[in-house]
Amino acid sequence: MKKIFIIGPPTNSIPVSGGGGIEKFVFELGNYLSKLDYDINIITIKDNLNNRKIELIKKNFKIIRISVPKTFFLRGLIYNIKISIKIGSLKQRNIVIFNDVSQSLIPIILKLFTNKLFSIFIMHNIRPWFEIKVHTKLRRLTDFILGIMSLRISDDIITFTDFFKGYLSSRFNIDTEKINVIPPGIPKEIIHNYQKIRNHEKSSEVFKMVYIGRIIESKGLETLLYAISRIQKIFSTKEIELKLLIIGPKTGKYGKQKWIRSSKQIKYLRKLNHLVKNLNLQNQVIFLGEVNSSKIYSLLLDSDLYICPSYGETFSLSALESLSVGIPVIISNTAGISEYLRHNKNCLKIAVNDINALVSTIKIAFNEKIRIRLGESGKKLVLNKFIWEELIMKYKEMFENV
């Protein structure tokens, strides 16, 4: 039985209770690979909610937790070193799957000191290394250099879209032969278990919109708030009530463990709260904070529209989750998933940071017939292209020759 290590990012423990696109992806990837009789080991951080060092999910699927400092600066470095020692000490040849630029040091260390490694790098966030100012310039430069080194020494690379495959090839001169395009998936049972049941003669005139994701500048939330403000003024004299649910960490914490990525993130959250007050949207905008993964679909089913106004999104798992249960989506044309979507067929696309376009598009989505048509078409797309049970076979093909 082949042993596979899947490395989670050094931020959230896996499985997560309240979201985290990469963490969700890692857990589902491990789950479906274990069904193909691989020995799956997910490596993740140890936090206050998960004190056990090893958790056996099932016979050939376990989660290994590694203790790391709470200080964010040291966390990634210690995490990289501990994982390198653990995997490097094993005698047999192993498949190791990396999922974040913060793990770039691991394949470099392992390749230098051992040849018992087949490494696969899954690209979740290539562009934010140097285009989105989340970290300091020094941190972004370090990530960039280590990231490119790890990409070039990896045996295989997985991207979620053809765009990113071409981007890696042209920008970084990566051989296209080792770049595979495999998008994330949705469990088939989700589509069958969460059928959208709604009385079209709604007893309430509340129009619910939802955003799910991190609360950082690159997600375009200011654009969304300004758009909601304009729409509220337009319909202030009509009998329609708007609600925007923002789901994502609102305190800089995940559960009981502090997870403050940077002071910039906390300042941005405060900025959004001030903007809500200045735009007089206290009755329209609700920050729900973290929501348990099992409740995400219930909230989606009770909503009319999902909106992702992000400036740069490698894919957008939340949009895929919305589509899987028939919720129409408005998405920026830079999001990775937009490569698979067609405007006015299974989604509504907008240009980045265009408030007028977002206002006009939300107004189009007020039409219930349009929402139903988009939702049904979106669900069909998920069934045809994004089912985990089918996508996982592409991973199996990669592993057969290792």
Protein backbone atom coordinates (compact mmCIF):
# COMPACT_ATOMS: atom_id res chain seq x y z
CA MET A 1 0.00 0.00 0.00
CA LYS A 2 1.49 3.33 -1.07
CA LYS A 3 1.94 5.86 1.70
CA ILE A 4 0.85 9.41 0.90
CA PHE A 5 1.52 12.47 3.06
CA ILE A 6 -0.72 15.50 2.47
CA ILE A 7 0.59 18.67 4.11
CA GLY A 8 -1.96 21.18 5.40
CA PRO A 9 -1.13 24.88 5.82
CA PRO A 10 0.30 26.02 9.21
CA THR A 11 -2.74 28.15 10.01
CA ASN A 12 -5.85 26.05 10.61
CA SER A 13 -6.01 22.61 12.13
CA ILE A 14 -7.62 19.95 9.90
CA PRO A 15 -10.46 19.18 9.79
CA VAL A 16 -11.70 22.72 10.38
CA SER A 17 -14.98 23.57 12.04
CA GLY A 18 -15.56 26.90 10.38
CA GLY A 19 -14.32 26.90 6.84
CA GLY A 20 -10.99 27.46 5.17
CA GLY A 21 -10.92 26.51 1.50
CA ILE A 22 -7.48 24.86 1.47
CA GLU A 23 -8.19 22.95 4.68
CA LYS A 24 -11.50 21.65 3.33
CA PHE A 25 -9.80 20.61 0.12
CA VAL A 26 -6.99 18.78 1.94
CA PHE A 27 -9.40 16.80 4.10
CA GLU A 28 -11.62 15.77 1.18
CA LEU A 29 -8.59 14.83 -0.93
CA GLY A 30 -7.34 12.59 1.87
CA ASN A 31 -10.79 11.11 2.40
CA TYR A 32 -11.28 10.12 -1.24
CA LEU A 33 -7.71 8.85 -1.70
CA SER A 34 -8.17 6.59 1.33
CA LYS A 35 -11.12 4.98 -0.46
CA LEU A 36 -8.66 3.90 -3.19
CA ASP A 37 -6.62 1.93 -0.63
CA TYR A 38 -3.76 4.37 -0.18
CA ASP A 39 -2.25 4.86 3.28
CA ILE A 40 -3.19 8.52 3.86
CA ASN A 41 -1.46 10.74 6.41
CA ILE A 42 -2.58 14.36 6.69
CA ILE A 43 -0.09 16.55 8.55
CA THR A 44 -1.55 19.59 10.25
CA ILE A 45 -1.01 21.83 13.27
CA LYS A 46 -1.92 20.93 16.83
CA ASP A 47 -4.18 23.48 18.53
CA ASN A 48 -6.32 23.86 21.65
CA LEU A 49 -9.28 22.17 20.00
CA ASN A 50 -7.30 19.13 18.84
CA ASN A 51 -4.90 18.01 21.55
CA ARG A 52 -4.39 14.49 20.24
CA LYS A 53 -1.15 14.04 18.31
CA ILE A 54 -2.62 11.39 16.02
CA GLU A 55 -6.27 10.92 15.13
CA LEU A 56 -7.30 7.77 13.27
CA ILE A 57 -10.17 8.68 10.94
CA LYS A 58 -10.36 5.15 9.57
CA LYS A 59 -8.08 2.18 8.98
CA ASN A 60 -5.85 3.79 6.34
CA PHE A 61 -6.55 7.47 7.01
CA LYS A 62 -5.02 9.33 9.92
CA ILE A 63 -4.30 12.92 10.87
CA ILE A 64 -0.91 13.73 12.40
CA ARG A 65 -0.75 16.95 14.42
CA ILE A 66 2.49 18.84 14.94
CA SER A 67 2.99 21.39 17.70
CA VAL A 68 4.05 24.82 16.44
CA PRO A 69 4.61 28.18 18.18
CA LYS A 70 1.67 30.56 18.39
CA THR A 71 3.85 33.34 16.98
CA PHE A 72 2.95 33.48 13.32
CA PHE A 73 6.45 34.43 12.14
CA LEU A 74 8.04 31.29 13.68
CA ARG A 75 5.11 29.01 12.99
CA GLY A 76 5.79 28.34 9.31
CA LEU A 77 9.55 27.82 9.77
CA ILE A 78 9.18 25.35 12.67
CA TYR A 79 6.36 23.58 10.82
CA ASN A 80 8.54 23.12 7.72
CA ILE A 81 11.52 21.79 9.71
CA LYS A 82 9.50 19.33 11.82
CA ILE A 83 7.72 17.89 8.78
CA SER A 84 11.00 17.56 6.87
CA ILE A 85 12.55 15.60 9.75
CA LYS A 86 9.51 13.36 10.12
CA ILE A 87 9.18 12.43 6.44
CA GLY A 88 12.94 12.38 5.79
CA SER A 89 13.50 9.78 8.52
CA LEU A 90 11.22 7.23 6.81
CA LYS A 91 12.91 4.44 4.85
CA GLN A 92 10.40 3.81 2.08
CA ARG A 93 9.71 6.04 -0.92
CA ASN A 94 6.70 8.25 -0.18
CA ILE A 95 4.37 10.51 -2.12
CA VAL A 96 4.15 13.96 -0.54
CA ILE A 97 1.50 16.50 -1.56
CA PHE A 98 2.09 20.16 -0.70
CA ASN A 99 -0.73 22.69 -0.60
CA ASP A 100 0.63 26.10 0.28
CA VAL A 101 3.54 28.39 -0.54
CA SER A 102 4.36 28.40 3.20
CA GLN A 103 5.44 24.75 2.77
CA SER A 104 7.98 25.48 0.02
CA LEU A 105 10.96 24.80 2.27
CA ILE A 106 9.92 21.15 2.84
CA PRO A 107 10.47 19.76 -0.69
CA ILE A 108 13.72 21.72 -0.94
CA ILE A 109 15.07 20.20 2.29
CA LEU A 110 13.87 16.70 1.45
CA LYS A 111 15.24 16.75 -2.10
CA LEU A 112 18.64 17.82 -0.79
CA PHE A 113 18.94 15.05 1.79
CA THR A 114 16.90 12.12 0.45
CA ASN A 115 15.69 10.65 -2.82
CA LYS A 116 12.84 8.72 -1.16
CA LEU A 117 10.29 11.31 -2.21
CA PHE A 118 7.84 11.88 -5.05
CA SER A 119 6.57 15.43 -4.57
CA ILE A 120 3.40 16.97 -5.92
CA PHE A 121 2.74 20.69 -5.52
CA ILE A 122 -0.91 21.77 -5.67
CA MET A 123 -1.11 25.44 -6.58
CA HIS A 124 -3.67 27.28 -4.47
CA ASN A 125 -2.15 30.74 -4.45
CA ILE A 126 0.55 31.50 -7.01
CA ARG A 127 -0.47 35.12 -7.78
CA PRO A 128 -0.83 36.45 -4.21
CA TRP A 129 2.92 35.88 -3.64
CA PHE A 130 3.73 39.16 -5.29
CA GLU A 131 0.49 40.81 -6.42
CA ILE A 132 -1.55 40.96 -3.22
CA LYS A 133 0.02 42.84 -0.33
CA VAL A 134 -0.96 40.61 2.61
CA HIS A 135 2.57 40.22 3.97
CA THR A 136 5.67 42.41 4.23
CA LYS A 137 7.89 42.87 1.18
CA LEU A 138 10.58 40.64 2.71
CA ARG A 139 8.08 37.85 3.40
CA ARG A 140 6.66 38.06 -0.12
CA LEU A 141 10.14 37.98 -1.66
CA THR A 142 11.09 34.96 0.46
CA ASP A 143 7.87 33.15 -0.45
CA PHE A 144 8.45 33.94 -4.10
CA ILE A 145 12.02 32.60 -4.22
CA LEU A 146 11.28 29.44 -2.21
CA GLY A 147 8.04 28.90 -4.13
CA ILE A 148 9.72 28.94 -7.52
CA MET A 149 12.49 26.63 -6.30
CA SER A 150 9.96 24.12 -4.93
CA LEU A 151 7.90 24.25 -8.12
CA ARG A 152 10.92 23.43 -10.26
CA ILE A 153 12.10 20.51 -8.12
CA SER A 154 8.61 19.02 -7.68
CA ASP A 155 7.94 15.88 -9.71
CA ASP A 156 4.39 16.98 -10.58
CA ILE A 157 2.29 20.11 -10.23
CA ILE A 158 -1.48 20.37 -10.02
CA THR A 159 -3.39 23.54 -10.88
CA PHE A 160 -7.13 24.10 -10.82
CA THR A 161 -7.42 25.85 -14.20
CA ASP A 162 -5.85 25.94 -17.65
CA PHE A 163 -5.10 29.62 -17.07
CA PHE A 164 -2.77 28.80 -14.18
CA LYS A 165 -1.13 26.03 -16.16
CA GLY A 166 -0.28 28.51 -18.89
CA TYR A 167 0.70 31.11 -16.31
CA LEU A 168 3.21 28.79 -14.63
CA SER A 169 4.64 27.71 -17.95
CA SER A 170 5.07 31.18 -19.46
CA ARG A 171 5.96 33.15 -16.34
CA PHE A 172 8.27 30.65 -14.63
CA ASN A 173 9.34 28.42 -17.52
CA ILE A 174 7.82 25.29 -15.94
CA ASP A 175 7.56 22.24 -18.22
CA THR A 176 3.88 21.82 -19.15
CA GLU A 177 4.32 18.02 -19.19
CA LYS A 178 4.43 17.96 -15.41
CA ILE A 179 1.51 20.37 -14.88
CA ASN A 180 -1.87 18.67 -14.44
CA VAL A 181 -5.21 20.50 -14.34
CA ILE A 182 -7.53 18.96 -11.74
CA PRO A 183 -10.15 21.25 -10.14
CA PRO A 184 -11.53 20.77 -6.62
CA GLY A 185 -14.69 18.73 -6.22
CA ILE A 186 -17.94 18.39 -4.34
CA PRO A 187 -19.08 15.07 -2.80
CA LYS A 188 -21.95 13.68 -4.84
CA GLU A 189 -23.97 13.16 -1.67
CA ILE A 190 -24.00 16.93 -1.05
CA ILE A 191 -26.01 17.53 -4.21
CA HIS A 192 -28.46 14.75 -3.38
CA ASN A 193 -28.77 15.55 0.35
CA TYR A 194 -29.20 19.32 0.01
CA GLN A 195 -31.82 19.68 -2.65
CA LYS A 196 -33.00 23.28 -2.82
CA ILE A 197 -36.56 23.32 -1.56
CA ARG A 198 -38.15 26.73 -1.57
CA ASN A 199 -41.62 28.11 -1.78
CA HIS A 200 -41.41 30.58 -4.63
CA GLU A 201 -44.30 32.54 -3.12
CA LYS A 202 -42.07 33.83 -0.34
CA SER A 203 -43.77 34.97 2.83
CA SER A 204 -40.96 37.48 3.41
CA GLU A 205 -39.60 40.09 1.05
CA VAL A 206 -36.09 39.76 2.50
CA PHE A 207 -33.51 39.31 -0.26
CA LYS A 208 -30.53 37.46 1.26
CA MET A 209 -27.04 37.64 -0.18
CA VAL A 210 -24.06 35.76 1.23
CA TYR A 211 -20.28 36.02 1.09
CA ILE A 212 -18.06 33.22 2.46
CA GLY A 213 -14.31 33.55 2.87
CA ARG A 214 -11.44 35.33 4.54
CA ILE A 215 -11.90 38.96 5.47
CA ILE A 216 -8.96 40.60 3.74
CA GLU A 217 -8.56 43.44 1.25
CA SER A 218 -8.15 41.20 -1.79
CA LYS A 219 -11.68 39.82 -1.37
CA GLY A 220 -13.31 43.06 -2.57
CA LEU A 221 -15.65 43.47 0.40
CA GLU A 222 -15.51 47.27 0.31
CA THR A 223 -16.79 47.19 -3.28
CA LEU A 224 -19.61 44.92 -2.14
CA LEU A 225 -20.61 47.20 0.76
CA TYR A 226 -20.69 50.29 -1.49
CA ALA A 227 -22.86 48.39 -3.96
CA ILE A 228 -25.29 47.31 -1.22
CA SER A 229 -25.50 50.92 -0.04
CA ARG A 230 -26.47 52.16 -3.52
CA ILE A 231 -29.06 49.42 -3.98
CA GLN A 232 -30.53 50.14 -0.56
CA LYS A 233 -31.05 53.79 -1.55
CA ILE A 234 -32.67 52.79 -4.83
CA PHE A 235 -35.15 50.46 -3.13
CA SER A 236 -35.63 52.41 0.08
CA THR A 237 -39.16 53.39 -0.94
CA LYS A 238 -40.15 49.89 -2.07
CA GLU A 239 -41.17 46.88 -0.02
CA ILE A 240 -37.95 44.93 -0.30
CA GLU A 241 -35.46 44.30 2.47
CA LEU A 242 -31.81 43.50 1.78
CA LYS A 243 -29.57 41.34 3.95
CA LEU A 244 -25.89 40.57 3.37
CA LEU A 245 -24.40 37.75 5.43
CA ILE A 246 -20.60 37.84 5.67
CA ILE A 247 -19.24 34.49 6.83
CA GLY A 248 -15.60 34.41 7.87
CA PRO A 249 -13.34 35.08 10.89
CA LYS A 250 -14.33 38.40 12.44
CA THR A 251 -12.06 38.44 15.51
CA GLY A 252 -8.74 37.26 14.17
CA LYS A 253 -9.32 33.91 15.87
CA TYR A 254 -10.17 30.38 14.82
CA GLY A 255 -11.95 28.70 17.70
CA LYS A 256 -9.95 29.06 20.92
CA GLN A 257 -6.61 29.44 19.22
CA LYS A 258 -5.36 32.89 18.30
CA TRP A 259 -4.73 33.16 14.62
CA ILE A 260 -3.85 36.75 13.84
CA ARG A 261 -2.26 36.66 10.47
CA SER A 262 -1.15 40.27 10.61
CA SER A 263 -2.12 43.57 12.18
CA LYS A 264 -3.22 44.66 8.69
CA GLN A 265 -5.97 42.05 8.73
CA ILE A 266 -7.34 43.27 12.07
CA LYS A 267 -7.17 46.89 10.89
CA TYR A 268 -9.05 45.94 7.73
CA LEU A 269 -11.83 44.29 9.73
CA ARG A 270 -12.20 47.47 11.78
CA LYS A 271 -12.23 49.49 8.56
CA LEU A 272 -15.13 47.39 7.26
CA ASN A 273 -17.08 47.84 10.47
CA HIS A 274 -16.61 51.62 10.25
CA LEU A 275 -17.70 51.55 6.61
CA VAL A 276 -20.88 49.67 7.51
CA LYS A 277 -21.71 52.39 10.06
CA ASN A 278 -20.82 55.27 7.73
CA LEU A 279 -23.02 53.79 4.98
CA ASN A 280 -25.81 53.23 7.51
CA LEU A 281 -25.94 49.50 6.73
CA GLN A 282 -26.12 48.16 10.30
CA ASN A 283 -29.53 46.62 9.58
CA GLN A 284 -28.48 45.16 6.25
CA VAL A 285 -24.99 43.70 6.88
CA ILE A 286 -24.42 40.89 9.37
CA PHE A 287 -20.96 39.58 10.23
CA LEU A 288 -21.61 35.98 11.26
CA GLY A 289 -17.98 35.11 11.95
CA GLU A 290 -17.02 31.47 11.63
CA VAL A 291 -19.77 29.03 10.78
CA ASN A 292 -19.48 25.27 11.17
CA SER A 293 -19.00 23.53 7.83
CA SER A 294 -22.15 21.48 8.36
CA LYS A 295 -24.19 24.69 8.61
CA ILE A 296 -22.75 26.36 5.51
CA TYR A 297 -25.14 24.58 3.16
CA SER A 298 -28.16 25.39 5.35
CA LEU A 299 -27.25 29.08 5.18
CA LEU A 300 -26.72 28.87 1.44
CA LEU A 301 -30.10 27.21 0.92
CA ASP A 302 -31.75 30.02 2.86
CA SER A 303 -30.07 32.64 0.64
CA ASP A 304 -31.00 34.05 -2.74
CA LEU A 305 -27.54 34.86 -4.06
CA TYR A 306 -23.85 34.17 -3.44
CA ILE A 307 -21.41 36.99 -4.25
CA CYS A 308 -17.62 36.71 -4.69
CA PRO A 309 -16.22 40.16 -5.67
CA SER A 310 -12.61 39.06 -5.10
CA TYR A 311 -9.72 40.84 -6.85
CA GLY A 312 -7.86 37.55 -7.26
CA GLU A 313 -9.11 34.05 -6.46
CA THR A 314 -7.26 30.88 -7.44
CA PHE A 315 -10.57 29.03 -7.65
CA SER A 316 -13.34 29.81 -5.07
CA LEU A 317 -14.55 26.66 -3.36
CA SER A 318 -17.40 28.65 -1.77
CA ALA A 319 -18.77 29.51 -5.21
CA LEU A 320 -18.60 25.84 -6.15
CA GLU A 321 -20.47 24.90 -2.96
CA SER A 322 -23.16 27.45 -3.80
CA LEU A 323 -23.55 26.15 -7.35
CA SER A 324 -23.80 22.57 -6.09
CA VAL A 325 -27.05 23.33 -4.26
CA GLY A 326 -28.53 25.54 -6.95
CA ILE A 327 -27.71 28.97 -5.53
CA PRO A 328 -26.88 31.48 -8.28
CA VAL A 329 -23.51 33.22 -8.03
CA ILE A 330 -22.10 36.61 -8.92
CA ILE A 331 -18.36 36.24 -9.34
CA SER A 332 -15.49 38.44 -10.46
CA ASN A 333 -13.99 37.56 -13.82
CA THR A 334 -10.56 37.02 -12.21
CA ALA A 335 -11.67 34.09 -10.04
CA GLY A 336 -10.29 30.75 -11.20
CA ILE A 337 -13.69 29.08 -11.29
CA SER A 338 -14.87 31.68 -13.82
CA GLU A 339 -12.86 29.76 -16.44
CA TYR A 340 -15.49 27.00 -16.20
CA LEU A 341 -18.50 29.34 -16.03
CA ARG A 342 -20.43 31.22 -18.70
CA HIS A 343 -21.97 34.61 -18.02
CA ASN A 344 -25.77 34.58 -18.00
CA LYS A 345 -25.79 30.80 -18.45
CA ASN A 346 -24.66 29.45 -15.09
CA CYS A 347 -23.41 32.60 -13.34
CA LEU A 348 -23.25 36.38 -13.52
CA LYS A 349 -19.74 37.80 -13.98
CA ILE A 350 -18.48 41.23 -13.00
CA ALA A 351 -15.28 43.19 -13.56
CA VAL A 352 -13.00 43.63 -10.56
CA ASN A 353 -13.64 46.65 -8.32
CA ASP A 354 -16.49 47.92 -10.49
CA ILE A 355 -19.22 49.14 -8.15
CA ASN A 356 -21.58 50.16 -10.95
CA ALA A 357 -21.33 46.75 -12.59
CA LEU A 358 -21.97 45.00 -9.29
CA VAL A 359 -25.02 47.16 -8.58
CA SER A 360 -26.46 46.44 -12.05
CA THR A 361 -25.76 42.71 -11.72
CA ILE A 362 -27.40 42.40 -8.29
CA LYS A 363 -30.45 44.19 -9.69
CA ILE A 364 -30.60 41.59 -12.48
CA ALA A 365 -30.48 38.86 -9.84
CA PHE A 366 -33.60 40.27 -8.19
CA ASN A 367 -35.49 38.53 -10.98
CA GLU A 368 -36.48 35.18 -9.49
CA LYS A 369 -36.83 33.42 -12.86
CA ILE A 370 -33.25 34.37 -13.73
CA ARG A 371 -32.00 33.12 -10.35
CA ILE A 372 -33.77 29.77 -10.77
CA ARG A 373 -32.41 29.33 -14.30
CA LEU A 374 -28.84 30.18 -13.25
CA GLY A 375 -29.07 27.96 -10.18
CA GLU A 376 -30.30 24.92 -12.07
CA SER A 377 -27.67 25.37 -14.78
CA GLY A 378 -24.95 25.78 -12.16
CA LYS A 379 -25.94 22.56 -10.41
CA LYS A 380 -25.80 20.66 -13.72
CA LEU A 381 -22.29 22.01 -14.32
CA VAL A 382 -21.14 20.73 -10.92
CA LEU A 383 -22.59 17.29 -11.64
CA ASN A 384 -20.80 17.16 -14.99
CA LYS A 385 -17.36 18.48 -14.00
CA PHE A 386 -16.82 18.75 -10.25
CA ILE A 387 -17.71 15.49 -8.51
CA TRP A 388 -15.00 14.20 -6.16
CA GLU A 389 -15.77 10.55 -6.92
CA GLU A 390 -14.75 11.16 -10.55
CA LEU A 391 -11.95 13.70 -10.09
CA ILE A 392 -10.07 11.50 -7.64
CA MET A 393 -9.40 8.97 -10.40
CA LYS A 394 -7.10 11.54 -12.06
CA TYR A 395 -4.95 11.49 -8.92
CA LYS A 396 -4.87 7.70 -9.06
CA GLU A 397 -3.52 7.84 -12.62
CA MET A 398 -0.68 10.10 -11.42
CA PHE A 399 0.27 7.74 -8.59
CA GLU A 400 0.26 4.52 -10.60
CA ASN A 401 3.75 5.08 -12.03
CA VAL A 402 5.35 6.18 -8.76
